[in-house]
PDB file of all heavy atoms in Angstrom:
ATOM      1  N   MET A   1     105.806-126.503 -74.877  1.00  0.00           N
ATOM      2  CA  MET A   1     104.363-126.298 -75.013  1.00  0.00           C
ATOM      3  C   MET A   1     103.698-127.508 -75.660  1.00  0.00           C
ATOM      4  O   MET A   1     102.571-127.869 -75.312  1.00  0.00           O
ATOM      5  CB  MET A   1     104.094-125.045 -75.837  1.00  0.00           C
ATOM      6  CG  MET A   1     104.509-123.762 -75.165  1.00  0.00           C
ATOM      7  SD  MET A   1     104.229-122.325 -76.223  1.00  0.00           S
ATOM      8  CE  MET A   1     104.998-121.038 -75.224  1.00  0.00           C
ATOM      9  N   SER A   2     104.409-128.153 -76.594  1.00  0.00           N
ATOM     10  CA  SER A   2     103.855-129.337 -77.261  1.00  0.00           C
ATOM     11  C   SER A   2     103.581-130.439 -76.255  1.00  0.00           C
ATOM     12  O   SER A   2     102.510-131.053 -76.256  1.00  0.00           O
ATOM     13  CB  SER A   2     104.829-129.847 -78.329  1.00  0.00           C
ATOM     14  OG  SER A   2     105.034-128.893 -79.346  1.00  0.00           O
ATOM     15  N   TYR A   3     104.538-130.697 -75.379  1.00  0.00           N
ATOM     16  CA  TYR A   3     104.343-131.761 -74.399  1.00  0.00           C
ATOM     17  C   TYR A   3     103.299-131.389 -73.360  1.00  0.00           C
ATOM     18  O   TYR A   3     102.496-132.220 -72.939  1.00  0.00           O
ATOM     19  CB  TYR A   3     105.673-132.136 -73.746  1.00  0.00           C
ATOM     20  CG  TYR A   3     106.279-133.323 -74.444  1.00  0.00           C
ATOM     21  CD1 TYR A   3     107.053-133.131 -75.578  1.00  0.00           C
ATOM     22  CD2 TYR A   3     106.025-134.613 -74.029  1.00  0.00           C
ATOM     23  CE1 TYR A   3     107.582-134.214 -76.259  1.00  0.00           C
ATOM     24  CE2 TYR A   3     106.541-135.703 -74.688  1.00  0.00           C
ATOM     25  CZ  TYR A   3     107.323-135.501 -75.813  1.00  0.00           C
ATOM     26  OH  TYR A   3     107.830-136.573 -76.500  1.00  0.00           O
ATOM     27  N   MET A   4     103.298-130.155 -72.944  1.00  0.00           N
ATOM     28  CA  MET A   4     102.289-129.747 -71.970  1.00  0.00           C
ATOM     29  C   MET A   4     100.892-129.830 -72.583  1.00  0.00           C
ATOM     30  O   MET A   4      99.917-130.121 -71.890  1.00  0.00           O
ATOM     31  CB  MET A   4     102.592-128.334 -71.479  1.00  0.00           C
ATOM     32  CG  MET A   4     103.868-128.272 -70.644  1.00  0.00           C
ATOM     33  SD  MET A   4     104.235-126.644 -69.955  1.00  0.00           S
ATOM     34  CE  MET A   4     102.988-126.552 -68.685  1.00  0.00           C
ATOM     35  N   SER A   5     100.799-129.595 -73.914  1.00  0.00           N
ATOM     36  CA  SER A   5      99.493-129.682 -74.570  1.00  0.00           C
ATOM     37  C   SER A   5      99.031-131.131 -74.696  1.00  0.00           C
ATOM     38  O   SER A   5      97.836-131.402 -74.748  1.00  0.00           O
ATOM     39  CB  SER A   5      99.554-129.031 -75.949  1.00  0.00           C
ATOM     40  OG  SER A   5     100.260-129.832 -76.880  1.00  0.00           O
ATOM     41  N   MET A   6      99.983-132.076 -74.742  1.00  0.00           N
ATOM     42  CA  MET A   6      99.616-133.478 -74.906  1.00  0.00           C
ATOM     43  C   MET A   6      99.201-134.133 -73.597  1.00  0.00           C
ATOM     44  O   MET A   6      98.458-135.106 -73.589  1.00  0.00           O
ATOM     45  CB  MET A   6     100.794-134.249 -75.515  1.00  0.00           C
ATOM     46  CG  MET A   6     100.995-133.999 -77.000  1.00  0.00           C
ATOM     47  SD  MET A   6     102.204-135.133 -77.742  1.00  0.00           S
ATOM     48  CE  MET A   6     103.745-134.454 -77.145  1.00  0.00           C
ATOM     49  N   LEU A   7      99.695-133.630 -72.473  1.00  0.00           N
ATOM     50  CA  LEU A   7      99.413-134.252 -71.189  1.00  0.00           C
ATOM     51  C   LEU A   7      98.018-133.896 -70.705  1.00  0.00           C
ATOM     52  O   LEU A   7      97.547-132.767 -70.864  1.00  0.00           O
ATOM     53  CB  LEU A   7     100.450-133.813 -70.153  1.00  0.00           C
ATOM     54  CG  LEU A   7     101.894-134.203 -70.448  1.00  0.00           C
ATOM     55  CD1 LEU A   7     102.814-133.640 -69.376  1.00  0.00           C
ATOM     56  CD2 LEU A   7     102.053-135.709 -70.549  1.00  0.00           C
ATOM     57  N   SER A   8      97.367-134.862 -70.093  1.00  0.00           N
ATOM     58  CA  SER A   8      96.011-134.640 -69.577  1.00  0.00           C
ATOM     59  C   SER A   8      96.072-134.233 -68.109  1.00  0.00           C
ATOM     60  O   SER A   8      95.304-134.717 -67.282  1.00  0.00           O
ATOM     61  CB  SER A   8      95.177-135.910 -69.731  1.00  0.00           C
ATOM     62  OG  SER A   8      95.806-136.993 -69.059  1.00  0.00           O
ATOM     63  N   CYS A   9      97.017-133.352 -67.780  1.00  0.00           N
ATOM     64  CA  CYS A   9      97.178-132.905 -66.407  1.00  0.00           C
ATOM     65  C   CYS A   9      97.921-131.578 -66.406  1.00  0.00           C
ATOM     66  O   CYS A   9      98.438-131.142 -67.438  1.00  0.00           O
ATOM     67  CB  CYS A   9      97.981-133.932 -65.586  1.00  0.00           C
ATOM     68  SG  CYS A   9      99.737-134.004 -66.062  1.00  0.00           S
ATOM     69  N   GLN A  10      97.968-130.948 -65.237  1.00  0.00           N
ATOM     70  CA  GLN A  10      98.838-129.795 -65.037  1.00  0.00           C
ATOM     71  C   GLN A  10     100.131-130.340 -64.452  1.00  0.00           C
ATOM     72  O   GLN A  10     100.186-130.695 -63.283  1.00  0.00           O
ATOM     73  CB  GLN A  10      98.191-128.789 -64.081  1.00  0.00           C
ATOM     74  CG  GLN A  10      99.026-127.539 -63.847  1.00  0.00           C
ATOM     75  CD  GLN A  10      99.271-126.735 -65.106  1.00  0.00           C
ATOM     76  OE1 GLN A  10      98.370-126.535 -65.904  1.00  0.00           O
ATOM     77  NE2 GLN A  10     100.496-126.292 -65.300  1.00  0.00           N
ATOM     78  N   PRO A  11     101.189-130.470 -65.271  1.00  0.00           N
ATOM     79  CA  PRO A  11     102.388-131.173 -64.802  1.00  0.00           C
ATOM     80  C   PRO A  11     103.114-130.452 -63.679  1.00  0.00           C
ATOM     81  O   PRO A  11     103.042-129.233 -63.536  1.00  0.00           O
ATOM     82  CB  PRO A  11     103.259-131.264 -66.062  1.00  0.00           C
ATOM     83  CG  PRO A  11     102.797-130.138 -66.930  1.00  0.00           C
ATOM     84  CD  PRO A  11     101.336-129.992 -66.656  1.00  0.00           C
ATOM     85  N   MET A  12     103.825-131.248 -62.896  1.00  0.00           N
ATOM     86  CA  MET A  12     104.642-130.751 -61.803  1.00  0.00           C
ATOM     87  C   MET A  12     106.098-130.776 -62.223  1.00  0.00           C
ATOM     88  O   MET A  12     106.477-131.430 -63.187  1.00  0.00           O
ATOM     89  CB  MET A  12     104.438-131.620 -60.555  1.00  0.00           C
ATOM     90  CG  MET A  12     103.010-131.697 -60.081  1.00  0.00           C
ATOM     91  SD  MET A  12     102.796-132.950 -58.777  1.00  0.00           S
ATOM     92  CE  MET A  12     103.858-132.300 -57.483  1.00  0.00           C
ATOM     93  N   SER A  13     106.947-130.100 -61.452  1.00  0.00           N
ATOM     94  CA  SER A  13     108.380-130.045 -61.715  1.00  0.00           C
ATOM     95  C   SER A  13     109.142-130.315 -60.426  1.00  0.00           C
ATOM     96  O   SER A  13     108.926-129.647 -59.407  1.00  0.00           O
ATOM     97  CB  SER A  13     108.764-128.670 -62.272  1.00  0.00           C
ATOM     98  OG  SER A  13     110.140-128.425 -62.142  1.00  0.00           O
ATOM     99  N   PHE A  14     110.044-131.293 -60.453  1.00  0.00           N
ATOM    100  CA  PHE A  14     110.873-131.573 -59.284  1.00  0.00           C
ATOM    101  C   PHE A  14     111.721-130.363 -58.909  1.00  0.00           C
ATOM    102  O   PHE A  14     111.970-130.100 -57.729  1.00  0.00           O
ATOM    103  CB  PHE A  14     111.785-132.768 -59.543  1.00  0.00           C
ATOM    104  CG  PHE A  14     111.178-134.097 -59.195  1.00  0.00           C
ATOM    105  CD1 PHE A  14     110.612-134.889 -60.169  1.00  0.00           C
ATOM    106  CD2 PHE A  14     111.165-134.549 -57.886  1.00  0.00           C
ATOM    107  CE1 PHE A  14     110.050-136.122 -59.860  1.00  0.00           C
ATOM    108  CE2 PHE A  14     110.610-135.773 -57.550  1.00  0.00           C
ATOM    109  CZ  PHE A  14     110.045-136.566 -58.554  1.00  0.00           C
ATOM    110  N   GLU A  15     112.181-129.627 -59.927  1.00  0.00           N
ATOM    111  CA  GLU A  15     113.030-128.477 -59.654  1.00  0.00           C
ATOM    112  C   GLU A  15     112.293-127.437 -58.809  1.00  0.00           C
ATOM    113  O   GLU A  15     112.851-126.885 -57.847  1.00  0.00           O
ATOM    114  CB  GLU A  15     113.502-127.861 -60.972  1.00  0.00           C
ATOM    115  CG  GLU A  15     114.573-128.657 -61.685  1.00  0.00           C
ATOM    116  CD  GLU A  15     114.051-129.912 -62.374  1.00  0.00           C
ATOM    117  OE1 GLU A  15     112.814-130.052 -62.529  1.00  0.00           O
ATOM    118  OE2 GLU A  15     114.865-130.761 -62.757  1.00  0.00           O
ATOM    119  N   THR A  16     111.045-127.169 -59.155  1.00  0.00           N
ATOM    120  CA  THR A  16     110.248-126.218 -58.383  1.00  0.00           C
ATOM    121  C   THR A  16     109.998-126.730 -56.971  1.00  0.00           C
ATOM    122  O   THR A  16     110.069-125.978 -55.993  1.00  0.00           O
ATOM    123  CB  THR A  16     108.906-125.950 -59.086  1.00  0.00           C
ATOM    124  OG1 THR A  16     109.160-125.427 -60.395  1.00  0.00           O
ATOM    125  CG2 THR A  16     108.071-124.945 -58.296  1.00  0.00           C
ATOM    126  N   ILE A  17     109.741-128.030 -56.859  1.00  0.00           N
ATOM    127  CA  ILE A  17     109.512-128.634 -55.546  1.00  0.00           C
ATOM    128  C   ILE A  17     110.748-128.505 -54.669  1.00  0.00           C
ATOM    129  O   ILE A  17     110.675-128.103 -53.498  1.00  0.00           O
ATOM    130  CB  ILE A  17     109.104-130.108 -55.703  1.00  0.00           C
ATOM    131  CG1 ILE A  17     107.724-130.200 -56.362  1.00  0.00           C
ATOM    132  CG2 ILE A  17     109.114-130.822 -54.342  1.00  0.00           C
ATOM    133  CD1 ILE A  17     107.357-131.592 -56.826  1.00  0.00           C
ATOM    134  N   PHE A  18     111.921-128.818 -55.228  1.00  0.00           N
ATOM    135  CA  PHE A  18     113.152-128.720 -54.444  1.00  0.00           C
ATOM    136  C   PHE A  18     113.464-127.269 -54.083  1.00  0.00           C
ATOM    137  O   PHE A  18     113.968-126.988 -52.982  1.00  0.00           O
ATOM    138  CB  PHE A  18     114.319-129.344 -55.209  1.00  0.00           C
ATOM    139  CG  PHE A  18     114.307-130.841 -55.222  1.00  0.00           C
ATOM    140  CD1 PHE A  18     114.523-131.545 -56.396  1.00  0.00           C
ATOM    141  CD2 PHE A  18     114.096-131.557 -54.046  1.00  0.00           C
ATOM    142  CE1 PHE A  18     114.522-132.934 -56.408  1.00  0.00           C
ATOM    143  CE2 PHE A  18     114.083-132.943 -54.051  1.00  0.00           C
ATOM    144  CZ  PHE A  18     114.304-133.631 -55.241  1.00  0.00           C
ATOM    145  N   ALA A  19     113.194-126.353 -54.997  1.00  0.00           N
ATOM    146  CA  ALA A  19     113.428-124.934 -54.699  1.00  0.00           C
ATOM    147  C   ALA A  19     112.552-124.495 -53.532  1.00  0.00           C
ATOM    148  O   ALA A  19     112.996-123.759 -52.635  1.00  0.00           O
ATOM    149  CB  ALA A  19     113.159-124.082 -55.931  1.00  0.00           C
ATOM    150  N   ASN A  20     111.299-124.945 -53.510  1.00  0.00           N
ATOM    151  CA  ASN A  20     110.394-124.588 -52.412  1.00  0.00           C
ATOM    152  C   ASN A  20     110.824-125.252 -51.105  1.00  0.00           C
ATOM    153  O   ASN A  20     110.740-124.641 -50.029  1.00  0.00           O
ATOM    154  CB  ASN A  20     108.961-124.993 -52.763  1.00  0.00           C
ATOM    155  CG  ASN A  20     108.362-124.129 -53.852  1.00  0.00           C
ATOM    156  OD1 ASN A  20     108.769-122.988 -54.048  1.00  0.00           O
ATOM    157  ND2 ASN A  20     107.392-124.655 -54.572  1.00  0.00           N
ATOM    158  N   MET A  21     111.293-126.494 -51.178  1.00  0.00           N
ATOM    159  CA  MET A  21     111.791-127.167 -49.979  1.00  0.00           C
ATOM    160  C   MET A  21     112.996-126.425 -49.408  1.00  0.00           C
ATOM    161  O   MET A  21     113.150-126.306 -48.186  1.00  0.00           O
ATOM    162  CB  MET A  21     112.174-128.612 -50.313  1.00  0.00           C
ATOM    163  CG  MET A  21     110.986-129.534 -50.550  1.00  0.00           C
ATOM    164  SD  MET A  21     111.460-131.184 -51.194  1.00  0.00           S
ATOM    165  CE  MET A  21     112.542-131.789 -49.875  1.00  0.00           C
ATOM    166  N   ALA A  22     113.844-125.924 -50.294  1.00  0.00           N
ATOM    167  CA  ALA A  22     115.025-125.190 -49.844  1.00  0.00           C
ATOM    168  C   ALA A  22     114.628-123.914 -49.106  1.00  0.00           C
ATOM    169  O   ALA A  22     115.222-123.555 -48.081  1.00  0.00           O
ATOM    170  CB  ALA A  22     115.912-124.855 -51.039  1.00  0.00           C
ATOM    171  N   ILE A  23     113.619-123.235 -49.617  1.00  0.00           N
ATOM    172  CA  ILE A  23     113.130-122.019 -48.953  1.00  0.00           C
ATOM    173  C   ILE A  23     112.616-122.365 -47.552  1.00  0.00           C
ATOM    174  O   ILE A  23     112.928-121.688 -46.565  1.00  0.00           O
ATOM    175  CB  ILE A  23     112.029-121.355 -49.791  1.00  0.00           C
ATOM    176  CG1 ILE A  23     112.627-120.792 -51.092  1.00  0.00           C
ATOM    177  CG2 ILE A  23     111.345-120.239 -48.997  1.00  0.00           C
ATOM    178  CD1 ILE A  23     111.586-120.269 -52.058  1.00  0.00           C
ATOM    179  N   GLU A  24     111.832-123.443 -47.469  1.00  0.00           N
ATOM    180  CA  GLU A  24     111.265-123.852 -46.181  1.00  0.00           C
ATOM    181  C   GLU A  24     112.360-124.215 -45.175  1.00  0.00           C
ATOM    182  O   GLU A  24     112.195-124.013 -43.969  1.00  0.00           O
ATOM    183  CB  GLU A  24     110.334-125.050 -46.390  1.00  0.00           C
ATOM    184  CG  GLU A  24     109.071-124.717 -47.191  1.00  0.00           C
ATOM    185  CD  GLU A  24     108.294-125.966 -47.569  1.00  0.00           C
ATOM    186  OE1 GLU A  24     108.749-127.079 -47.215  1.00  0.00           O
ATOM    187  OE2 GLU A  24     107.241-125.834 -48.226  1.00  0.00           O
ATOM    188  N   GLN A  25     113.478-124.757 -45.668  1.00  0.00           N
ATOM    189  CA  GLN A  25     114.556-125.191 -44.787  1.00  0.00           C
ATOM    190  C   GLN A  25     115.719-124.197 -44.728  1.00  0.00           C
ATOM    191  O   GLN A  25     116.778-124.504 -44.182  1.00  0.00           O
ATOM    192  CB  GLN A  25     115.069-126.567 -45.250  1.00  0.00           C
ATOM    193  CG  GLN A  25     114.012-127.654 -45.195  1.00  0.00           C
ATOM    194  CD  GLN A  25     114.528-129.012 -45.673  1.00  0.00           C
ATOM    195  OE1 GLN A  25     115.722-129.304 -45.579  1.00  0.00           O
ATOM    196  NE2 GLN A  25     113.620-129.838 -46.168  1.00  0.00           N
ATOM    197  N   SER A  26     115.491-123.018 -45.285  1.00  0.00           N
ATOM    198  CA  SER A  26     116.505-121.944 -45.265  1.00  0.00           C
ATOM    199  C   SER A  26     117.832-122.385 -45.871  1.00  0.00           C
ATOM    200  O   SER A  26     118.911-122.098 -45.344  1.00  0.00           O
ATOM    201  CB  SER A  26     116.718-121.447 -43.822  1.00  0.00           C
ATOM    202  OG  SER A  26     115.518-120.939 -43.280  1.00  0.00           O
ATOM    203  N   LYS A  27     117.739-123.106 -46.975  1.00  0.00           N
ATOM    204  CA  LYS A  27     118.934-123.535 -47.692  1.00  0.00           C
ATOM    205  C   LYS A  27     119.089-122.689 -48.954  1.00  0.00           C
ATOM    206  O   LYS A  27     118.108-122.345 -49.609  1.00  0.00           O
ATOM    207  CB  LYS A  27     118.842-125.013 -48.087  1.00  0.00           C
ATOM    208  CG  LYS A  27     118.716-125.984 -46.924  1.00  0.00           C
ATOM    209  CD  LYS A  27     118.695-127.417 -47.438  1.00  0.00           C
ATOM    210  CE  LYS A  27     118.298-128.395 -46.336  1.00  0.00           C
ATOM    211  NZ  LYS A  27     119.275-128.462 -45.239  1.00  0.00           N
ATOM    212  N   GLU A  28     120.330-122.408 -49.305  1.00  0.00           N
ATOM    213  CA  GLU A  28     120.590-121.645 -50.518  1.00  0.00           C
ATOM    214  C   GLU A  28     120.467-122.555 -51.739  1.00  0.00           C
ATOM    215  O   GLU A  28     120.915-123.701 -51.730  1.00  0.00           O
ATOM    216  CB  GLU A  28     121.989-121.030 -50.485  1.00  0.00           C
ATOM    217  CG  GLU A  28     122.277-120.127 -51.682  1.00  0.00           C
ATOM    218  CD  GLU A  28     123.613-119.423 -51.580  1.00  0.00           C
ATOM    219  OE1 GLU A  28     124.419-119.798 -50.704  1.00  0.00           O
ATOM    220  OE2 GLU A  28     123.848-118.497 -52.368  1.00  0.00           O
ATOM    221  N   VAL A  29     119.845-122.038 -52.791  1.00  0.00           N
ATOM    222  CA  VAL A  29     119.742-122.749 -54.068  1.00  0.00           C
ATOM    223  C   VAL A  29     120.672-122.078 -55.066  1.00  0.00           C
ATOM    224  O   VAL A  29     120.628-120.860 -55.250  1.00  0.00           O
ATOM    225  CB  VAL A  29     118.296-122.734 -54.617  1.00  0.00           C
ATOM    226  CG1 VAL A  29     118.255-123.404 -55.992  1.00  0.00           C
ATOM    227  CG2 VAL A  29     117.349-123.434 -53.660  1.00  0.00           C
ATOM    228  N   LEU A  30     121.507-122.890 -55.717  1.00  0.00           N
ATOM    229  CA  LEU A  30     122.440-122.384 -56.708  1.00  0.00           C
ATOM    230  C   LEU A  30     122.307-123.192 -57.992  1.00  0.00           C
ATOM    231  O   LEU A  30     121.660-124.247 -58.012  1.00  0.00           O
ATOM    232  CB  LEU A  30     123.876-122.459 -56.172  1.00  0.00           C
ATOM    233  CG  LEU A  30     124.141-121.617 -54.914  1.00  0.00           C
ATOM    234  CD1 LEU A  30     125.430-122.060 -54.237  1.00  0.00           C
ATOM    235  CD2 LEU A  30     124.195-120.142 -55.263  1.00  0.00           C
ATOM    236  N   GLY A  31     122.922-122.711 -59.067  1.00  0.00           N
ATOM    237  CA  GLY A  31     122.807-123.381 -60.351  1.00  0.00           C
ATOM    238  C   GLY A  31     124.146-123.858 -60.887  1.00  0.00           C
ATOM    239  O   GLY A  31     125.146-123.140 -60.794  1.00  0.00           O
ATOM    240  N   LEU A  32     124.165-125.063 -61.449  1.00  0.00           N
ATOM    241  CA  LEU A  32     125.366-125.571 -62.093  1.00  0.00           C
ATOM    242  C   LEU A  32     125.665-124.817 -63.383  1.00  0.00           C
ATOM    243  O   LEU A  32     126.805-124.780 -63.835  1.00  0.00           O
ATOM    244  CB  LEU A  32     125.206-127.064 -62.396  1.00  0.00           C
ATOM    245  CG  LEU A  32     125.257-128.012 -61.191  1.00  0.00           C
ATOM    246  CD1 LEU A  32     124.745-129.389 -61.584  1.00  0.00           C
ATOM    247  CD2 LEU A  32     126.683-128.118 -60.656  1.00  0.00           C
TER     248      LEU A  32
END
């Protein structure tokens, strides 16, 4: 929350982007 409060933007996340790409391409997402 501290870092999100300092940024002058609504930050993005690569993890969320890749998860959405996987859904679009019908790929399974798993966790290490």
